[in-house]
Amino acid sequence: MTLFEETGAFRRKDEDALGAELHLYDLMSYEDFDAPGAVGEPLEVRRVWVAEFVKLAKEASRAP
């Protein structure tokens, strides 16, 4: 069992995760992540993806 699997068991299944934080530094497709020696798109492009993801997540969290 991995550390993620072990600690994931402690999550609250019947409560919202108030105060939870996501620290996101990079975005890659699974194919690029899993390919030996590949990094996919240049870092500058991936950082734009991160910024767009954060913007959309903030907008979604404010939606009714």
PDB file of N, CA and C in Angstrom:
ATOM      1  N   MET A   1       0.849  -1.175   0.000  1.00  0.00           N
ATOM      2  CA  MET A   1       0.000   0.000   0.000  1.00  0.00           C
ATOM      3  C   MET A   1       0.905   1.253   0.000  1.00  0.00           C
ATOM      4  N   THR A   2       0.554   2.210  -0.830  1.00  0.00           N
ATOM      5  CA  THR A   2       1.355   3.429  -0.925  1.00  0.00           C
ATOM      6  C   THR A   2       0.946   4.421   0.159  1.00  0.00           C
ATOM      7  N   LEU A   3       1.791   5.433   0.370  1.00  0.00           N
ATOM      8  CA  LEU A   3       1.479   6.475   1.354  1.00  0.00           C
ATOM      9  C   LEU A   3       0.169   7.167   1.002  1.00  0.00           C
ATOM     10  N   PHE A   4      -0.052   7.437  -0.292  1.00  0.00           N
ATOM     11  CA  PHE A   4      -1.297   8.081  -0.707  1.00  0.00           C
ATOM     12  C   PHE A   4      -2.500   7.218  -0.345  1.00  0.00           C
ATOM     13  N   GLU A   5      -2.395   5.927  -0.585  1.00  0.00           N
ATOM     14  CA  GLU A   5      -3.507   5.033  -0.260  1.00  0.00           C
ATOM     15  C   GLU A   5      -3.749   4.992   1.247  1.00  0.00           C
ATOM     16  N   GLU A   6      -2.668   5.021   2.016  1.00  0.00           N
ATOM     17  CA  GLU A   6      -2.816   4.986   3.469  1.00  0.00           C
ATOM     18  C   GLU A   6      -3.431   6.268   4.004  1.00  0.00           C
ATOM     19  N   THR A   7      -2.940   7.411   3.576  1.00  0.00           N
ATOM     20  CA  THR A   7      -3.443   8.679   4.102  1.00  0.00           C
ATOM     21  C   THR A   7      -4.798   9.021   3.510  1.00  0.00           C
ATOM     22  N   GLY A   8      -5.098   8.557   2.317  1.00  0.00           N
ATOM     23  CA  GLY A   8      -6.403   8.799   1.715  1.00  0.00           C
ATOM     24  C   GLY A   8      -7.531   8.197   2.524  1.00  0.00           C
ATOM     25  N   ALA A   9      -7.240   7.174   3.295  1.00  0.00           N
ATOM     26  CA  ALA A   9      -8.258   6.530   4.112  1.00  0.00           C
ATOM     27  C   ALA A   9      -8.743   7.447   5.231  1.00  0.00           C
ATOM     28  N   PHE A  10      -7.986   8.491   5.544  1.00  0.00           N
ATOM     29  CA  PHE A  10      -8.349   9.398   6.625  1.00  0.00           C
ATOM     30  C   PHE A  10      -9.239  10.551   6.178  1.00  0.00           C
ATOM     31  N   ARG A  11      -9.521  10.641   4.905  1.00  0.00           N
ATOM     32  CA  ARG A  11     -10.337  11.755   4.426  1.00  0.00           C
ATOM     33  C   ARG A  11     -11.760  11.650   4.971  1.00  0.00           C
ATOM     34  N   ARG A  12     -12.407  12.788   5.079  1.00  0.00           N
ATOM     35  CA  ARG A  12     -13.787  12.830   5.562  1.00  0.00           C
ATOM     36  C   ARG A  12     -14.716  12.556   4.388  1.00  0.00           C
ATOM     37  N   LYS A  13     -15.408  11.464   4.433  1.00  0.00           N
ATOM     38  CA  LYS A  13     -16.257  11.090   3.308  1.00  0.00           C
ATOM     39  C   LYS A  13     -17.617  11.772   3.354  1.00  0.00           C
ATOM     40  N   ASP A  14     -18.037  12.237   4.521  1.00  0.00           N
ATOM     41  CA  ASP A  14     -19.365  12.824   4.624  1.00  0.00           C
ATOM     42  C   ASP A  14     -19.335  14.312   4.952  1.00  0.00           C
ATOM     43  N   GLU A  15     -18.168  14.945   4.798  1.00  0.00           N
ATOM     44  CA  GLU A  15     -18.044  16.376   5.059  1.00  0.00           C
ATOM     45  C   GLU A  15     -17.286  17.042   3.920  1.00  0.00           C
ATOM     46  N   ASP A  16     -17.586  18.335   3.709  1.00  0.00           N
ATOM     47  CA  ASP A  16     -16.817  19.098   2.735  1.00  0.00           C
ATOM     48  C   ASP A  16     -15.393  19.275   3.257  1.00  0.00           C
ATOM     49  N   ALA A  17     -14.455  19.367   2.352  1.00  0.00           N
ATOM     50  CA  ALA A  17     -13.044  19.532   2.718  1.00  0.00           C
ATOM     51  C   ALA A  17     -12.724  21.019   2.881  1.00  0.00           C
ATOM     52  N   LEU A  18     -13.382  21.654   3.834  1.00  0.00           N
ATOM     53  CA  LEU A  18     -13.153  23.078   4.082  1.00  0.00           C
ATOM     54  C   LEU A  18     -11.706  23.282   4.538  1.00  0.00           C
ATOM     55  N   GLY A  19     -11.054  24.266   3.952  1.00  0.00           N
ATOM     56  CA  GLY A  19      -9.666  24.546   4.322  1.00  0.00           C
ATOM     57  C   GLY A  19      -8.649  23.712   3.572  1.00  0.00           C
ATOM     58  N   ALA A  20      -9.114  22.800   2.740  1.00  0.00           N
ATOM     59  CA  ALA A  20      -8.182  21.979   1.962  1.00  0.00           C
ATOM     60  C   ALA A  20      -7.478  22.853   0.930  1.00  0.00           C
ATOM     61  N   GLU A  21      -6.246  22.533   0.631  1.00  0.00           N
ATOM     62  CA  GLU A  21      -5.464  23.288  -0.342  1.00  0.00           C
ATOM     63  C   GLU A  21      -4.896  22.351  -1.394  1.00  0.00           C
ATOM     64  N   LEU A  22      -4.813  22.852  -2.612  1.00  0.00           N
ATOM     65  CA  LEU A  22      -4.174  22.125  -3.703  1.00  0.00           C
ATOM     66  C   LEU A  22      -2.976  22.944  -4.143  1.00  0.00           C
ATOM     67  N   HIS A  23      -1.802  22.361  -4.092  1.00  0.00           N
ATOM     68  CA  HIS A  23      -0.588  23.039  -4.537  1.00  0.00           C
ATOM     69  C   HIS A  23      -0.230  22.463  -5.904  1.00  0.00           C
ATOM     70  N   LEU A  24      -0.509  23.244  -6.934  1.00  0.00           N
ATOM     71  CA  LEU A  24      -0.331  22.795  -8.301  1.00  0.00           C
ATOM     72  C   LEU A  24       0.774  23.612  -8.958  1.00  0.00           C
ATOM     73  N   TYR A  25       1.788  22.939  -9.459  1.00  0.00           N
ATOM     74  CA  TYR A  25       2.935  23.629 -10.052  1.00  0.00           C
ATOM     75  C   TYR A  25       3.075  23.374 -11.543  1.00  0.00           C
ATOM     76  N   ASP A  26       2.481  22.314 -12.032  1.00  0.00           N
ATOM     77  CA  ASP A  26       2.686  21.928 -13.421  1.00  0.00           C
ATOM     78  C   ASP A  26       1.508  21.072 -13.867  1.00  0.00           C
ATOM     79  N   LEU A  27       1.227  21.075 -15.157  1.00  0.00           N
ATOM     80  CA  LEU A  27       0.204  20.206 -15.746  1.00  0.00           C
ATOM     81  C   LEU A  27       0.813  19.480 -16.931  1.00  0.00           C
ATOM     82  N   MET A  28       0.580  18.189 -16.987  1.00  0.00           N
ATOM     83  CA  MET A  28       1.054  17.362 -18.109  1.00  0.00           C
ATOM     84  C   MET A  28      -0.015  16.332 -18.405  1.00  0.00           C
ATOM     85  N   SER A  29      -0.066  15.904 -19.643  1.00  0.00           N
ATOM     86  CA  SER A  29      -0.958  14.788 -19.966  1.00  0.00           C
ATOM     87  C   SER A  29      -0.365  13.514 -19.369  1.00  0.00           C
ATOM     88  N   TYR A  30      -1.206  12.538 -19.160  1.00  0.00           N
ATOM     89  CA  TYR A  30      -0.703  11.268 -18.635  1.00  0.00           C
ATOM     90  C   TYR A  30       0.302  10.650 -19.597  1.00  0.00           C
ATOM     91  N   GLU A  31       0.026  10.756 -20.895  1.00  0.00           N
ATOM     92  CA  GLU A  31       0.928  10.169 -21.890  1.00  0.00           C
ATOM     93  C   GLU A  31       2.313  10.805 -21.806  1.00  0.00           C
ATOM     94  N   ASP A  32       2.365  12.135 -21.644  1.00  0.00           N
ATOM     95  CA  ASP A  32       3.661  12.803 -21.519  1.00  0.00           C
ATOM     96  C   ASP A  32       4.334  12.462 -20.201  1.00  0.00           C
ATOM     97  N   PHE A  33       3.557  12.398 -19.131  1.00  0.00           N
ATOM     98  CA  PHE A  33       4.110  12.086 -17.813  1.00  0.00           C
ATOM     99  C   PHE A  33       4.689  10.686 -17.778  1.00  0.00           C
ATOM    100  N   ASP A  34       4.020   9.755 -18.430  1.00  0.00           N
ATOM    101  CA  ASP A  34       4.410   8.347 -18.379  1.00  0.00           C
ATOM    102  C   ASP A  34       5.481   7.972 -19.407  1.00  0.00           C
ATOM    103  N   ALA A  35       5.785   8.858 -20.350  1.00  0.00           N
ATOM    104  CA  ALA A  35       6.744   8.548 -21.406  1.00  0.00           C
ATOM    105  C   ALA A  35       8.170   8.802 -20.912  1.00  0.00           C
ATOM    106  N   PRO A  36       9.055   7.831 -21.030  1.00  0.00           N
ATOM    107  CA  PRO A  36      10.441   8.028 -20.588  1.00  0.00           C
ATOM    108  C   PRO A  36      11.112   9.175 -21.345  1.00  0.00           C
ATOM    109  N   GLY A  37      11.648  10.125 -20.602  1.00  0.00           N
ATOM    110  CA  GLY A  37      12.392  11.221 -21.204  1.00  0.00           C
ATOM    111  C   GLY A  37      11.557  12.310 -21.834  1.00  0.00           C
ATOM    112  N   ALA A  38      10.244  12.173 -21.841  1.00  0.00           N
ATOM    113  CA  ALA A  38       9.386  13.170 -22.485  1.00  0.00           C
ATOM    114  C   ALA A  38       8.837  14.133 -21.442  1.00  0.00           C
ATOM    115  N   VAL A  39       8.683  15.373 -21.832  1.00  0.00           N
ATOM    116  CA  VAL A  39       8.041  16.346 -20.951  1.00  0.00           C
ATOM    117  C   VAL A  39       6.879  17.031 -21.650  1.00  0.00           C
ATOM    118  N   GLY A  40       6.568  16.627 -22.860  1.00  0.00           N
ATOM    119  CA  GLY A  40       5.426  17.198 -23.568  1.00  0.00           C
ATOM    120  C   GLY A  40       5.673  18.624 -23.984  1.00  0.00           C
ATOM    121  N   GLU A  41       4.677  19.453 -23.718  1.00  0.00           N
ATOM    122  CA  GLU A  41       4.757  20.865 -24.087  1.00  0.00           C
ATOM    123  C   GLU A  41       5.844  21.572 -23.267  1.00  0.00           C
ATOM    124  N   PRO A  42       6.377  22.680 -23.795  1.00  0.00           N
ATOM    125  CA  PRO A  42       7.374  23.444 -23.039  1.00  0.00           C
ATOM    126  C   PRO A  42       6.801  23.948 -21.708  1.00  0.00           C
ATOM    127  N   LEU A  43       7.670  24.178 -20.747  1.00  0.00           N
ATOM    128  CA  LEU A  43       7.239  24.637 -19.423  1.00  0.00           C
ATOM    129  C   LEU A  43       6.400  25.905 -19.509  1.00  0.00           C
ATOM    130  N   GLU A  44       6.762  26.817 -20.372  1.00  0.00           N
ATOM    131  CA  GLU A  44       6.016  28.069 -20.483  1.00  0.00           C
ATOM    132  C   GLU A  44       4.549  27.803 -20.843  1.00  0.00           C
ATOM    133  N   VAL A  45       4.313  26.856 -21.707  1.00  0.00           N
ATOM    134  CA  VAL A  45       2.944  26.490 -22.102  1.00  0.00           C
ATOM    135  C   VAL A  45       2.233  25.827 -20.935  1.00  0.00           C
ATOM    136  N   ARG A  46       2.910  24.927 -20.253  1.00  0.00           N
ATOM    137  CA  ARG A  46       2.298  24.225 -19.119  1.00  0.00           C
ATOM    138  C   ARG A  46       1.971  25.190 -17.987  1.00  0.00           C
ATOM    139  N   ARG A  47       2.786  26.218 -17.786  1.00  0.00           N
ATOM    140  CA  ARG A  47       2.505  27.210 -16.738  1.00  0.00           C
ATOM    141  C   ARG A  47       1.256  28.030 -17.097  1.00  0.00           C
ATOM    142  N   VAL A  48       1.045  28.297 -18.380  1.00  0.00           N
ATOM    143  CA  VAL A  48      -0.183  28.974 -18.812  1.00  0.00           C
ATOM    144  C   VAL A  48      -1.383  28.081 -18.491  1.00  0.00           C
ATOM    145  N   TRP A  49      -1.237  26.780 -18.718  1.00  0.00           N
ATOM    146  CA  TRP A  49      -2.316  25.844 -18.379  1.00  0.00           C
ATOM    147  C   TRP A  49      -2.635  25.903 -16.888  1.00  0.00           C
ATOM    148  N   VAL A  50      -1.595  25.954 -16.053  1.00  0.00           N
ATOM    149  CA  VAL A  50      -1.798  26.023 -14.602  1.00  0.00           C
ATOM    150  C   VAL A  50      -2.569  27.296 -14.253  1.00  0.00           C
ATOM    151  N   ALA A  51      -2.146  28.427 -14.821  1.00  0.00           N
ATOM    152  CA  ALA A  51      -2.819  29.691 -14.536  1.00  0.00           C
ATOM    153  C   ALA A  51      -4.287  29.630 -14.957  1.00  0.00           C
ATOM    154  N   GLU A  52      -4.564  29.046 -16.108  1.00  0.00           N
ATOM    155  CA  GLU A  52      -5.942  28.927 -16.591  1.00  0.00           C
ATOM    156  C   GLU A  52      -6.747  27.985 -15.685  1.00  0.00           C
ATOM    157  N   PHE A  53      -6.140  26.899 -15.248  1.00  0.00           N
ATOM    158  CA  PHE A  53      -6.797  25.958 -14.345  1.00  0.00           C
ATOM    159  C   PHE A  53      -7.181  26.661 -13.039  1.00  0.00           C
ATOM    160  N   VAL A  54      -6.251  27.427 -12.474  1.00  0.00           N
ATOM    161  CA  VAL A  54      -6.509  28.148 -11.224  1.00  0.00           C
ATOM    162  C   VAL A  54      -7.643  29.148 -11.418  1.00  0.00           C
ATOM    163  N   LYS A  55      -7.622  29.880 -12.522  1.00  0.00           N
ATOM    164  CA  LYS A  55      -8.678  30.858 -12.812  1.00  0.00           C
ATOM    165  C   LYS A  55     -10.039  30.172 -12.883  1.00  0.00           C
ATOM    166  N   LEU A  56     -10.125  29.069 -13.619  1.00  0.00           N
ATOM    167  CA  LEU A  56     -11.393  28.346 -13.755  1.00  0.00           C
ATOM    168  C   LEU A  56     -11.850  27.750 -12.425  1.00  0.00           C
ATOM    169  N   ALA A  57     -10.902  27.254 -11.644  1.00  0.00           N
ATOM    170  CA  ALA A  57     -11.252  26.686 -10.334  1.00  0.00           C
ATOM    171  C   ALA A  57     -11.799  27.752  -9.409  1.00  0.00           C
ATOM    172  N   LYS A  58     -11.204  28.938  -9.413  1.00  0.00           N
ATOM    173  CA  LYS A  58     -11.715  30.030  -8.580  1.00  0.00           C
ATOM    174  C   LYS A  58     -13.103  30.451  -9.025  1.00  0.00           C
ATOM    175  N   GLU A  59     -13.309  30.542 -10.338  1.00  0.00           N
ATOM    176  CA  GLU A  59     -14.630  30.901 -10.854  1.00  0.00           C
ATOM    177  C   GLU A  59     -15.671  29.850 -10.460  1.00  0.00           C
ATOM    178  N   ALA A  60     -15.300  28.598 -10.562  1.00  0.00           N
ATOM    179  CA  ALA A  60     -16.226  27.508 -10.227  1.00  0.00           C
ATOM    180  C   ALA A  60     -16.559  27.502  -8.736  1.00  0.00           C
ATOM    181  N   SER A  61     -15.591  27.877  -7.912  1.00  0.00           N
ATOM    182  CA  SER A  61     -15.845  27.859  -6.455  1.00  0.00           C
ATOM    183  C   SER A  61     -16.783  28.981  -6.038  1.00  0.00           C
ATOM    184  N   ARG A  62     -16.903  30.018  -6.871  1.00  0.00           N
ATOM    185  CA  ARG A  62     -17.805  31.132  -6.576  1.00  0.00           C
ATOM    186  C   ARG A  62     -19.209  30.921  -7.162  1.00  0.00           C
ATOM    187  N   ALA A  63     -19.339  29.940  -8.038  1.00  0.00           N
ATOM    188  CA  ALA A  63     -20.628  29.692  -8.694  1.00  0.00           C
ATOM    189  C   ALA A  63     -21.639  29.165  -7.669  1.00  0.00           C
ATOM    190  N   PRO A  64     -22.908  29.539  -7.855  1.00  0.00           N
ATOM    191  CA  PRO A  64     -23.959  29.064  -6.915  1.00  0.00           C
ATOM    192  C   PRO A  64     -24.197  27.584  -7.006  1.00  0.00           C
TER     193      PRO A  64
END
